[in-house]
Full PDB file with SEQRES, HELIX, SHEET, SSBOND, CRYST1, ORIGX, SCALE, CONECT and MASTER records, all heavy atoms in Angstrom:
SEQRES   1 A   40  MET LYS LYS VAL ILE VAL THR GLY GLY ALA GLY PHE ILE          
SEQRES   2 A   40  GLY SER HIS THR CYS VAL GLU LEU VAL ALA ALA GLY TYR          
SEQRES   3 A   40  GLU PRO VAL ILE VAL ASP ASP LEU ARG ASN SER GLU GLU          
SEQRES   4 A   40  ARG                                                          
HELIX    1 AA1 PHE A   12  ALA A   23  1                                  12    
SHEET    1 AA1 2 LYS A   3  THR A   7  0                                        
SHEET    2 AA1 2 GLU A  27  VAL A  31  1                                        
CRYST1    1.000    1.000    1.000  90.00  90.00  90.00 P 1           1          
ORIGX1      1.000000  0.000000  0.000000        0.00000                         
ORIGX2      0.000000  1.000000  0.000000        0.00000                         
ORIGX3      0.000000  0.000000  1.000000        0.00000                         
SCALE1      1.000000  0.000000  0.000000        0.00000                         
SCALE2      0.000000  1.000000  0.000000        0.00000                         
SCALE3      0.000000  0.000000  1.000000        0.00000                         
ATOM      1  N   MET A   1      34.925 -63.382  33.078  1.00  0.00           N  
ATOM      2  CA  MET A   1      33.970 -63.220  31.997  1.00  0.00           C  
ATOM      3  C   MET A   1      33.163 -64.503  31.837  1.00  0.00           C  
ATOM      4  O   MET A   1      33.717 -65.597  31.781  1.00  0.00           O  
ATOM      5  CB  MET A   1      34.724 -62.905  30.702  1.00  0.00           C  
ATOM      6  CG  MET A   1      33.825 -62.502  29.556  1.00  0.00           C  
ATOM      7  SD  MET A   1      34.765 -62.052  28.071  1.00  0.00           S  
ATOM      8  CE  MET A   1      35.575 -60.566  28.663  1.00  0.00           C  
ATOM      9  N   LYS A   2      31.834 -64.384  31.765  1.00  0.00           N  
ATOM     10  CA  LYS A   2      30.966 -65.550  31.667  1.00  0.00           C  
ATOM     11  C   LYS A   2      31.023 -66.153  30.268  1.00  0.00           C  
ATOM     12  O   LYS A   2      30.854 -65.449  29.268  1.00  0.00           O  
ATOM     13  CB  LYS A   2      29.523 -65.151  32.004  1.00  0.00           C  
ATOM     14  CG  LYS A   2      29.331 -64.683  33.440  1.00  0.00           C  
ATOM     15  CD  LYS A   2      27.913 -64.187  33.662  1.00  0.00           C  
ATOM     16  CE  LYS A   2      27.706 -63.725  35.090  1.00  0.00           C  
ATOM     17  NZ  LYS A   2      26.346 -63.165  35.304  1.00  0.00           N  
ATOM     18  N   LYS A   3      31.239 -67.478  30.218  1.00  0.00           N  
ATOM     19  CA  LYS A   3      31.325 -68.168  28.936  1.00  0.00           C  
ATOM     20  C   LYS A   3      29.963 -68.721  28.534  1.00  0.00           C  
ATOM     21  O   LYS A   3      29.272 -69.342  29.349  1.00  0.00           O  
ATOM     22  CB  LYS A   3      32.354 -69.294  29.008  1.00  0.00           C  
ATOM     23  CG  LYS A   3      33.793 -68.786  29.119  1.00  0.00           C  
ATOM     24  CD  LYS A   3      34.790 -69.931  29.063  1.00  0.00           C  
ATOM     25  CE  LYS A   3      36.213 -69.403  29.126  1.00  0.00           C  
ATOM     26  NZ  LYS A   3      37.208 -70.501  29.067  1.00  0.00           N  
ATOM     27  N   VAL A   4      29.621 -68.501  27.270  1.00  0.00           N  
ATOM     28  CA  VAL A   4      28.362 -68.988  26.714  1.00  0.00           C  
ATOM     29  C   VAL A   4      28.694 -69.839  25.492  1.00  0.00           C  
ATOM     30  O   VAL A   4      29.336 -69.366  24.553  1.00  0.00           O  
ATOM     31  CB  VAL A   4      27.433 -67.827  26.307  1.00  0.00           C  
ATOM     32  CG1 VAL A   4      26.158 -68.361  25.654  1.00  0.00           C  
ATOM     33  CG2 VAL A   4      27.098 -66.957  27.511  1.00  0.00           C  
ATOM     34  N   ILE A   5      28.292 -71.098  25.506  1.00  0.00           N  
ATOM     35  CA  ILE A   5      28.506 -71.969  24.355  1.00  0.00           C  
ATOM     36  C   ILE A   5      27.426 -71.673  23.317  1.00  0.00           C  
ATOM     37  O   ILE A   5      26.230 -71.666  23.630  1.00  0.00           O  
ATOM     38  CB  ILE A   5      28.500 -73.445  24.775  1.00  0.00           C  
ATOM     39  CG1 ILE A   5      29.768 -73.732  25.602  1.00  0.00           C  
ATOM     40  CG2 ILE A   5      28.424 -74.366  23.552  1.00  0.00           C  
ATOM     41  CD1 ILE A   5      29.864 -75.126  26.136  1.00  0.00           C  
ATOM     42  N   VAL A   6      27.871 -71.383  22.098  1.00  0.00           N  
ATOM     43  CA  VAL A   6      26.963 -71.010  21.006  1.00  0.00           C  
ATOM     44  C   VAL A   6      27.092 -72.059  19.912  1.00  0.00           C  
ATOM     45  O   VAL A   6      28.058 -72.059  19.145  1.00  0.00           O  
ATOM     46  CB  VAL A   6      27.290 -69.609  20.458  1.00  0.00           C  
ATOM     47  CG1 VAL A   6      26.258 -69.201  19.406  1.00  0.00           C  
ATOM     48  CG2 VAL A   6      27.345 -68.580  21.581  1.00  0.00           C  
ATOM     49  N   THR A   7      26.137 -72.978  19.845  1.00  0.00           N  
ATOM     50  CA  THR A   7      26.155 -73.988  18.783  1.00  0.00           C  
ATOM     51  C   THR A   7      25.651 -73.338  17.491  1.00  0.00           C  
ATOM     52  O   THR A   7      24.701 -72.564  17.509  1.00  0.00           O  
ATOM     53  CB  THR A   7      25.284 -75.197  19.137  1.00  0.00           C  
ATOM     54  OG1 THR A   7      23.914 -74.797  19.147  1.00  0.00           O  
ATOM     55  CG2 THR A   7      25.661 -75.778  20.497  1.00  0.00           C  
ATOM     56  N   GLY A   8      26.323 -73.634  16.391  1.00  0.00           N  
ATOM     57  CA  GLY A   8      25.971 -72.954  15.148  1.00  0.00           C  
ATOM     58  C   GLY A   8      26.385 -71.499  15.160  1.00  0.00           C  
ATOM     59  O   GLY A   8      25.829 -70.666  14.455  1.00  0.00           O  
ATOM     60  N   GLY A   9      27.415 -71.194  15.939  1.00  0.00           N  
ATOM     61  CA  GLY A   9      27.823 -69.799  16.137  1.00  0.00           C  
ATOM     62  C   GLY A   9      28.506 -69.155  14.951  1.00  0.00           C  
ATOM     63  O   GLY A   9      28.707 -67.941  14.947  1.00  0.00           O  
ATOM     64  N   ALA A  10      28.865 -69.955  13.920  1.00  0.00           N  
ATOM     65  CA  ALA A  10      29.436 -69.374  12.706  1.00  0.00           C  
ATOM     66  C   ALA A  10      28.371 -69.129  11.645  1.00  0.00           C  
ATOM     67  O   ALA A  10      28.670 -68.638  10.562  1.00  0.00           O  
ATOM     68  CB  ALA A  10      30.520 -70.291  12.139  1.00  0.00           C  
ATOM     69  N   GLY A  11      27.126 -69.477  11.965  1.00  0.00           N  
ATOM     70  CA  GLY A  11      26.035 -69.290  11.027  1.00  0.00           C  
ATOM     71  C   GLY A  11      25.553 -67.853  10.984  1.00  0.00           C  
ATOM     72  O   GLY A  11      26.087 -66.968  11.671  1.00  0.00           O  
ATOM     73  N   PHE A  12      24.521 -67.636  10.206  1.00  0.00           N  
ATOM     74  CA  PHE A  12      23.996 -66.291   9.977  1.00  0.00           C  
ATOM     75  C   PHE A  12      23.574 -65.612  11.284  1.00  0.00           C  
ATOM     76  O   PHE A  12      24.118 -64.578  11.676  1.00  0.00           O  
ATOM     77  CB  PHE A  12      22.829 -66.393   9.004  1.00  0.00           C  
ATOM     78  CG  PHE A  12      22.116 -65.106   8.693  1.00  0.00           C  
ATOM     79  CD1 PHE A  12      22.815 -63.923   8.510  1.00  0.00           C  
ATOM     80  CD2 PHE A  12      20.739 -65.086   8.556  1.00  0.00           C  
ATOM     81  CE1 PHE A  12      22.151 -62.741   8.203  1.00  0.00           C  
ATOM     82  CE2 PHE A  12      20.062 -63.919   8.245  1.00  0.00           C  
ATOM     83  CZ  PHE A  12      20.768 -62.745   8.075  1.00  0.00           C  
ATOM     84  N   ILE A  13      22.638 -66.219  11.987  1.00  0.00           N  
ATOM     85  CA  ILE A  13      22.147 -65.608  13.229  1.00  0.00           C  
ATOM     86  C   ILE A  13      23.175 -65.794  14.342  1.00  0.00           C  
ATOM     87  O   ILE A  13      23.400 -64.902  15.160  1.00  0.00           O  
ATOM     88  CB  ILE A  13      20.784 -66.201  13.627  1.00  0.00           C  
ATOM     89  CG1 ILE A  13      19.791 -66.048  12.476  1.00  0.00           C  
ATOM     90  CG2 ILE A  13      20.233 -65.522  14.880  1.00  0.00           C  
ATOM     91  CD1 ILE A  13      18.522 -66.846  12.640  1.00  0.00           C  
ATOM     92  N   GLY A  14      23.822 -66.959  14.373  1.00  0.00           N  
ATOM     93  CA  GLY A  14      24.799 -67.234  15.419  1.00  0.00           C  
ATOM     94  C   GLY A  14      25.950 -66.260  15.432  1.00  0.00           C  
ATOM     95  O   GLY A  14      26.370 -65.798  16.504  1.00  0.00           O  
ATOM     96  N   SER A  15      26.493 -65.920  14.269  1.00  0.00           N  
ATOM     97  CA  SER A  15      27.633 -65.010  14.222  1.00  0.00           C  
ATOM     98  C   SER A  15      27.256 -63.615  14.717  1.00  0.00           C  
ATOM     99  O   SER A  15      28.012 -62.975  15.459  1.00  0.00           O  
ATOM    100  CB  SER A  15      28.205 -64.935  12.809  1.00  0.00           C  
ATOM    101  OG  SER A  15      27.238 -64.477  11.874  1.00  0.00           O  
ATOM    102  N   HIS A  16      26.080 -63.152  14.339  1.00  0.00           N  
ATOM    103  CA  HIS A  16      25.629 -61.835  14.814  1.00  0.00           C  
ATOM    104  C   HIS A  16      25.377 -61.853  16.320  1.00  0.00           C  
ATOM    105  O   HIS A  16      25.653 -60.873  17.019  1.00  0.00           O  
ATOM    106  CB  HIS A  16      24.364 -61.409  14.065  1.00  0.00           C  
ATOM    107  CG  HIS A  16      24.612 -61.017  12.641  1.00  0.00           C  
ATOM    108  ND1 HIS A  16      24.750 -61.939  11.634  1.00  0.00           N  
ATOM    109  CD2 HIS A  16      24.775 -59.803  12.060  1.00  0.00           C  
ATOM    110  CE1 HIS A  16      24.972 -61.311  10.488  1.00  0.00           C  
ATOM    111  NE2 HIS A  16      24.988 -60.018  10.716  1.00  0.00           N  
ATOM    112  N   THR A  17      24.882 -62.978  16.822  1.00  0.00           N  
ATOM    113  CA  THR A  17      24.657 -63.087  18.267  1.00  0.00           C  
ATOM    114  C   THR A  17      25.975 -63.098  19.023  1.00  0.00           C  
ATOM    115  O   THR A  17      26.079 -62.506  20.106  1.00  0.00           O  
ATOM    116  CB  THR A  17      23.826 -64.345  18.578  1.00  0.00           C  
ATOM    117  OG1 THR A  17      22.558 -64.241  17.918  1.00  0.00           O  
ATOM    118  CG2 THR A  17      23.604 -64.516  20.077  1.00  0.00           C  
ATOM    119  N   CYS A  18      26.995 -63.739  18.462  1.00  0.00           N  
ATOM    120  CA  CYS A  18      28.312 -63.727  19.113  1.00  0.00           C  
ATOM    121  C   CYS A  18      28.849 -62.303  19.241  1.00  0.00           C  
ATOM    122  O   CYS A  18      29.446 -61.931  20.267  1.00  0.00           O  
ATOM    123  CB  CYS A  18      29.301 -64.600  18.340  1.00  0.00           C  
ATOM    124  SG  CYS A  18      28.997 -66.374  18.523  1.00  0.00           S  
ATOM    125  N   VAL A  19      28.630 -61.490  18.215  1.00  0.00           N  
ATOM    126  CA  VAL A  19      29.045 -60.082  18.279  1.00  0.00           C  
ATOM    127  C   VAL A  19      28.333 -59.373  19.423  1.00  0.00           C  
ATOM    128  O   VAL A  19      28.946 -58.629  20.207  1.00  0.00           O  
ATOM    129  CB  VAL A  19      28.760 -59.373  16.935  1.00  0.00           C  
ATOM    130  CG1 VAL A  19      28.901 -57.857  17.077  1.00  0.00           C  
ATOM    131  CG2 VAL A  19      29.697 -59.898  15.853  1.00  0.00           C  
ATOM    132  N   GLU A  20      27.035 -59.602  19.550  1.00  0.00           N  
ATOM    133  CA  GLU A  20      26.263 -58.948  20.610  1.00  0.00           C  
ATOM    134  C   GLU A  20      26.652 -59.480  21.992  1.00  0.00           C  
ATOM    135  O   GLU A  20      26.645 -58.730  22.974  1.00  0.00           O  
ATOM    136  CB  GLU A  20      24.770 -59.145  20.363  1.00  0.00           C  
ATOM    137  CG  GLU A  20      24.253 -58.507  19.080  1.00  0.00           C  
ATOM    138  CD  GLU A  20      24.468 -57.000  19.027  1.00  0.00           C  
ATOM    139  OE1 GLU A  20      24.302 -56.332  20.075  1.00  0.00           O  
ATOM    140  OE2 GLU A  20      24.824 -56.491  17.944  1.00  0.00           O  
ATOM    141  N   LEU A  21      26.992 -60.757  22.085  1.00  0.00           N  
ATOM    142  CA  LEU A  21      27.451 -61.323  23.365  1.00  0.00           C  
ATOM    143  C   LEU A  21      28.738 -60.643  23.823  1.00  0.00           C  
ATOM    144  O   LEU A  21      28.881 -60.279  24.999  1.00  0.00           O  
ATOM    145  CB  LEU A  21      27.677 -62.832  23.226  1.00  0.00           C  
ATOM    146  CG  LEU A  21      26.433 -63.712  23.209  1.00  0.00           C  
ATOM    147  CD1 LEU A  21      26.781 -65.124  22.759  1.00  0.00           C  
ATOM    148  CD2 LEU A  21      25.760 -63.758  24.588  1.00  0.00           C  
ATOM    149  N   VAL A  22      29.674 -60.476  22.902  1.00  0.00           N  
ATOM    150  CA  VAL A  22      30.937 -59.811  23.253  1.00  0.00           C  
ATOM    151  C   VAL A  22      30.667 -58.381  23.712  1.00  0.00           C  
ATOM    152  O   VAL A  22      31.218 -57.912  24.715  1.00  0.00           O  
ATOM    153  CB  VAL A  22      31.907 -59.825  22.056  1.00  0.00           C  
ATOM    154  CG1 VAL A  22      33.134 -58.951  22.354  1.00  0.00           C  
ATOM    155  CG2 VAL A  22      32.351 -61.255  21.740  1.00  0.00           C  
ATOM    156  N   ALA A  23      29.794 -57.682  22.988  1.00  0.00           N  
ATOM    157  CA  ALA A  23      29.461 -56.304  23.350  1.00  0.00           C  
ATOM    158  C   ALA A  23      28.842 -56.218  24.741  1.00  0.00           C  
ATOM    159  O   ALA A  23      29.003 -55.203  25.444  1.00  0.00           O  
ATOM    160  CB  ALA A  23      28.511 -55.701  22.316  1.00  0.00           C  
ATOM    161  N   ALA A  24      28.150 -57.287  25.154  1.00  0.00           N  
ATOM    162  CA  ALA A  24      27.493 -57.307  26.468  1.00  0.00           C  
ATOM    163  C   ALA A  24      28.395 -57.854  27.570  1.00  0.00           C  
ATOM    164  O   ALA A  24      27.952 -57.980  28.720  1.00  0.00           O  
ATOM    165  CB  ALA A  24      26.212 -58.138  26.388  1.00  0.00           C  
ATOM    166  N   GLY A  25      29.640 -58.211  27.235  1.00  0.00           N  
ATOM    167  CA  GLY A  25      30.574 -58.658  28.261  1.00  0.00           C  
ATOM    168  C   GLY A  25      30.674 -60.156  28.443  1.00  0.00           C  
ATOM    169  O   GLY A  25      31.327 -60.623  29.385  1.00  0.00           O  
ATOM    170  N   TYR A  26      30.049 -60.937  27.558  1.00  0.00           N  
ATOM    171  CA  TYR A  26      30.162 -62.389  27.611  1.00  0.00           C  
ATOM    172  C   TYR A  26      31.306 -62.870  26.716  1.00  0.00           C  
ATOM    173  O   TYR A  26      31.761 -62.138  25.830  1.00  0.00           O  
ATOM    174  CB  TYR A  26      28.865 -63.047  27.125  1.00  0.00           C  
ATOM    175  CG  TYR A  26      27.675 -62.853  28.031  1.00  0.00           C  
ATOM    176  CD1 TYR A  26      26.723 -61.872  27.757  1.00  0.00           C  
ATOM    177  CD2 TYR A  26      27.482 -63.661  29.146  1.00  0.00           C  
ATOM    178  CE1 TYR A  26      25.612 -61.692  28.572  1.00  0.00           C  
ATOM    179  CE2 TYR A  26      26.363 -63.499  29.968  1.00  0.00           C  
ATOM    180  CZ  TYR A  26      25.442 -62.511  29.675  1.00  0.00           C  
ATOM    181  OH  TYR A  26      24.342 -62.341  30.487  1.00  0.00           O  
ATOM    182  N   GLU A  27      31.731 -64.107  26.925  1.00  0.00           N  
ATOM    183  CA  GLU A  27      32.701 -64.733  26.035  1.00  0.00           C  
ATOM    184  C   GLU A  27      32.037 -65.909  25.318  1.00  0.00           C  
ATOM    185  O   GLU A  27      31.813 -66.955  25.925  1.00  0.00           O  
ATOM    186  CB  GLU A  27      33.931 -65.228  26.793  1.00  0.00           C  
ATOM    187  CG  GLU A  27      34.984 -65.816  25.858  1.00  0.00           C  
ATOM    188  CD  GLU A  27      36.295 -66.148  26.542  1.00  0.00           C  
ATOM    189  OE1 GLU A  27      36.349 -66.100  27.797  1.00  0.00           O  
ATOM    190  OE2 GLU A  27      37.257 -66.450  25.829  1.00  0.00           O  
ATOM    191  N   PRO A  28      31.723 -65.747  24.027  1.00  0.00           N  
ATOM    192  CA  PRO A  28      31.108 -66.858  23.298  1.00  0.00           C  
ATOM    193  C   PRO A  28      32.130 -67.938  22.962  1.00  0.00           C  
ATOM    194  O   PRO A  28      33.270 -67.640  22.604  1.00  0.00           O  
ATOM    195  CB  PRO A  28      30.579 -66.193  22.026  1.00  0.00           C  
ATOM    196  CG  PRO A  28      31.406 -64.967  21.843  1.00  0.00           C  
ATOM    197  CD  PRO A  28      31.818 -64.525  23.221  1.00  0.00           C  
ATOM    198  N   VAL A  29      31.710 -69.195  23.088  1.00  0.00           N  
ATOM    199  CA  VAL A  29      32.508 -70.344  22.675  1.00  0.00           C  
ATOM    200  C   VAL A  29      31.719 -71.011  21.551  1.00  0.00           C  
ATOM    201  O   VAL A  29      30.657 -71.582  21.791  1.00  0.00           O  
ATOM    202  CB  VAL A  29      32.744 -71.329  23.834  1.00  0.00           C  
ATOM    203  CG1 VAL A  29      33.551 -72.534  23.360  1.00  0.00           C  
ATOM    204  CG2 VAL A  29      33.443 -70.629  24.995  1.00  0.00           C  
ATOM    205  N   ILE A  30      32.236 -70.917  20.337  1.00  0.00           N  
ATOM    206  CA  ILE A  30      31.492 -71.338  19.154  1.00  0.00           C  
ATOM    207  C   ILE A  30      31.726 -72.815  18.854  1.00  0.00           C  
ATOM    208  O   ILE A  30      32.862 -73.276  18.811  1.00  0.00           O  
ATOM    209  CB  ILE A  30      31.897 -70.491  17.935  1.00  0.00           C  
ATOM    210  CG1 ILE A  30      31.491 -69.029  18.170  1.00  0.00           C  
ATOM    211  CG2 ILE A  30      31.272 -71.035  16.654  1.00  0.00           C  
ATOM    212  CD1 ILE A  30      32.023 -68.073  17.119  1.00  0.00           C  
ATOM    213  N   VAL A  31      30.626 -73.549  18.660  1.00  0.00           N  
ATOM    214  CA  VAL A  31      30.671 -74.941  18.206  1.00  0.00           C  
ATOM    215  C   VAL A  31      29.916 -75.002  16.889  1.00  0.00           C  
ATOM    216  O   VAL A  31      28.713 -74.732  16.847  1.00  0.00           O  
ATOM    217  CB  VAL A  31      30.035 -75.895  19.235  1.00  0.00           C  
ATOM    218  CG1 VAL A  31      30.051 -77.323  18.706  1.00  0.00           C  
ATOM    219  CG2 VAL A  31      30.752 -75.813  20.574  1.00  0.00           C  
ATOM    220  N   ASP A  32      30.614 -75.347  15.798  1.00  0.00           N  
ATOM    221  CA  ASP A  32      29.987 -75.328  14.479  1.00  0.00           C  
ATOM    222  C   ASP A  32      30.771 -76.261  13.564  1.00  0.00           C  
ATOM    223  O   ASP A  32      31.994 -76.163  13.484  1.00  0.00           O  
ATOM    224  CB  ASP A  32      29.997 -73.902  13.917  1.00  0.00           C  
ATOM    225  CG  ASP A  32      28.998 -73.705  12.787  1.00  0.00           C  
ATOM    226  OD1 ASP A  32      29.003 -74.519  11.845  1.00  0.00           O  
ATOM    227  OD2 ASP A  32      28.233 -72.732  12.836  1.00  0.00           O  
ATOM    228  N   ASP A  33      30.077 -77.167  12.881  1.00  0.00           N  
ATOM    229  CA  ASP A  33      30.789 -78.069  11.963  1.00  0.00           C  
ATOM    230  C   ASP A  33      30.952 -77.461  10.571  1.00  0.00           C  
ATOM    231  O   ASP A  33      31.507 -78.099   9.668  1.00  0.00           O  
ATOM    232  CB  ASP A  33      30.093 -79.433  11.880  1.00  0.00           C  
ATOM    233  CG  ASP A  33      28.691 -79.367  11.280  1.00  0.00           C  
ATOM    234  OD1 ASP A  33      28.261 -78.271  10.867  1.00  0.00           O  
ATOM    235  OD2 ASP A  33      28.037 -80.416  11.216  1.00  0.00           O  
ATOM    236  N   LEU A  34      30.472 -76.230  10.399  1.00  0.00           N  
ATOM    237  CA  LEU A  34      30.619 -75.468   9.149  1.00  0.00           C  
ATOM    238  C   LEU A  34      29.918 -76.120   7.959  1.00  0.00           C  
ATOM    239  O   LEU A  34      30.260 -75.837   6.813  1.00  0.00           O  
ATOM    240  CB  LEU A  34      32.106 -75.225   8.827  1.00  0.00           C  
ATOM    241  CG  LEU A  34      32.930 -74.496   9.903  1.00  0.00           C  
ATOM    242  CD1 LEU A  34      34.344 -74.257   9.407  1.00  0.00           C  
ATOM    243  CD2 LEU A  34      32.278 -73.177  10.300  1.00  0.00           C  
ATOM    244  N   ARG A  35      28.910 -76.938   8.228  1.00  0.00           N  
ATOM    245  CA  ARG A  35      28.170 -77.542   7.106  1.00  0.00           C  
ATOM    246  C   ARG A  35      27.349 -76.499   6.366  1.00  0.00           C  
ATOM    247  O   ARG A  35      27.091 -76.635   5.165  1.00  0.00           O  
ATOM    248  CB  ARG A  35      27.283 -78.684   7.580  1.00  0.00           C  
ATOM    249  CG  ARG A  35      26.026 -78.249   8.313  1.00  0.00           C  
ATOM    250  CD  ARG A  35      25.074 -79.393   8.573  1.00  0.00           C  
ATOM    251  NE  ARG A  35      25.604 -80.319   9.572  1.00  0.00           N  
ATOM    252  CZ  ARG A  35      24.942 -81.391   9.992  1.00  0.00           C  
ATOM    253  NH1 ARG A  35      23.757 -81.658   9.504  1.00  0.00           N  
ATOM    254  NH2 ARG A  35      25.458 -82.173  10.912  1.00  0.00           N  
ATOM    255  N   ASN A  36      26.905 -75.468   7.085  1.00  0.00           N  
ATOM    256  CA  ASN A  36      26.118 -74.404   6.462  1.00  0.00           C  
ATOM    257  C   ASN A  36      26.726 -73.031   6.701  1.00  0.00           C  
ATOM    258  O   ASN A  36      26.018 -72.019   6.665  1.00  0.00           O  
ATOM    259  CB  ASN A  36      24.677 -74.431   6.998  1.00  0.00           C  
ATOM    260  CG  ASN A  36      23.898 -75.632   6.512  1.00  0.00           C  
ATOM    261  OD1 ASN A  36      23.907 -75.941   5.324  1.00  0.00           O  
ATOM    262  ND2 ASN A  36      23.247 -76.334   7.422  1.00  0.00           N  
ATOM    263  N   SER A  37      28.029 -72.990   6.964  1.00  0.00           N  
ATOM    264  CA  SER A  37      28.691 -71.721   7.249  1.00  0.00           C  
ATOM    265  C   SER A  37      30.152 -71.825   6.829  1.00  0.00           C  
ATOM    266  O   SER A  37      30.592 -72.860   6.342  1.00  0.00           O  
ATOM    267  CB  SER A  37      28.569 -71.374   8.736  1.00  0.00           C  
ATOM    268  OG  SER A  37      29.040 -72.442   9.542  1.00  0.00           O  
ATOM    269  N   GLU A  38      30.902 -70.754   7.036  1.00  0.00           N  
ATOM    270  CA  GLU A  38      32.304 -70.741   6.629  1.00  0.00           C  
ATOM    271  C   GLU A  38      33.149 -70.060   7.697  1.00  0.00           C  
ATOM    272  O   GLU A  38      32.652 -69.268   8.506  1.00  0.00           O  
ATOM    273  CB  GLU A  38      32.464 -69.995   5.298  1.00  0.00           C  
ATOM    274  CG  GLU A  38      31.764 -70.668   4.129  1.00  0.00           C  
ATOM    275  CD  GLU A  38      31.962 -69.920   2.822  1.00  0.00           C  
ATOM    276  OE1 GLU A  38      32.849 -69.028   2.776  1.00  0.00           O  
ATOM    277  OE2 GLU A  38      31.238 -70.215   1.852  1.00  0.00           O  
ATOM    278  N   GLU A  39      34.448 -70.350   7.666  1.00  0.00           N  
ATOM    279  CA  GLU A  39      35.362 -69.783   8.653  1.00  0.00           C  
ATOM    280  C   GLU A  39      35.450 -68.262   8.559  1.00  0.00           C  
ATOM    281  O   GLU A  39      35.823 -67.602   9.520  1.00  0.00           O  
ATOM    282  CB  GLU A  39      36.755 -70.401   8.501  1.00  0.00           C  
ATOM    283  CG  GLU A  39      36.820 -71.839   8.997  1.00  0.00           C  
ATOM    284  CD  GLU A  39      38.229 -72.391   8.993  1.00  0.00           C  
ATOM    285  OE1 GLU A  39      39.167 -71.618   8.727  1.00  0.00           O  
ATOM    286  OE2 GLU A  39      38.389 -73.597   9.259  1.00  0.00           O  
ATOM    287  N   ARG A  40      35.104 -67.703   7.399  1.00  0.00           N  
ATOM    288  CA  ARG A  40      35.174 -66.249   7.269  1.00  0.00           C  
ATOM    289  C   ARG A  40      34.241 -65.544   8.261  1.00  0.00           C  
ATOM    290  O   ARG A  40      34.461 -64.377   8.596  1.00  0.00           O  
ATOM    291  CB  ARG A  40      34.861 -65.818   5.841  1.00  0.00           C  
ATOM    292  CG  ARG A  40      33.400 -65.880   5.456  1.00  0.00           C  
ATOM    293  CD  ARG A  40      33.133 -65.242   4.110  1.00  0.00           C  
ATOM    294  NE  ARG A  40      33.621 -66.068   3.023  1.00  0.00           N  
ATOM    295  CZ  ARG A  40      33.542 -65.707   1.735  1.00  0.00           C  
ATOM    296  NH1 ARG A  40      33.027 -64.541   1.413  1.00  0.00           N  
ATOM    297  NH2 ARG A  40      33.962 -66.510   0.789  1.00  0.00           N  
TER     298      ARG A  40                                                      
MASTER        0    0    0    1    2    0    0    6  297    1    0    4          
END                                                                             
C-alpha cells in the first residue's frame, strides 16, 4: 500500500482527505501538531 504523508491531516480538510485516501487504497501518515485541530 502506497504511503502518503499528510501534514495537517487532523485538520478540517486534511481529515476528510485522509478518508478519501484510504478509500482509494492509499495509507495516509498524518503529521499534525494539533494547534488548530483535535485528536477526535
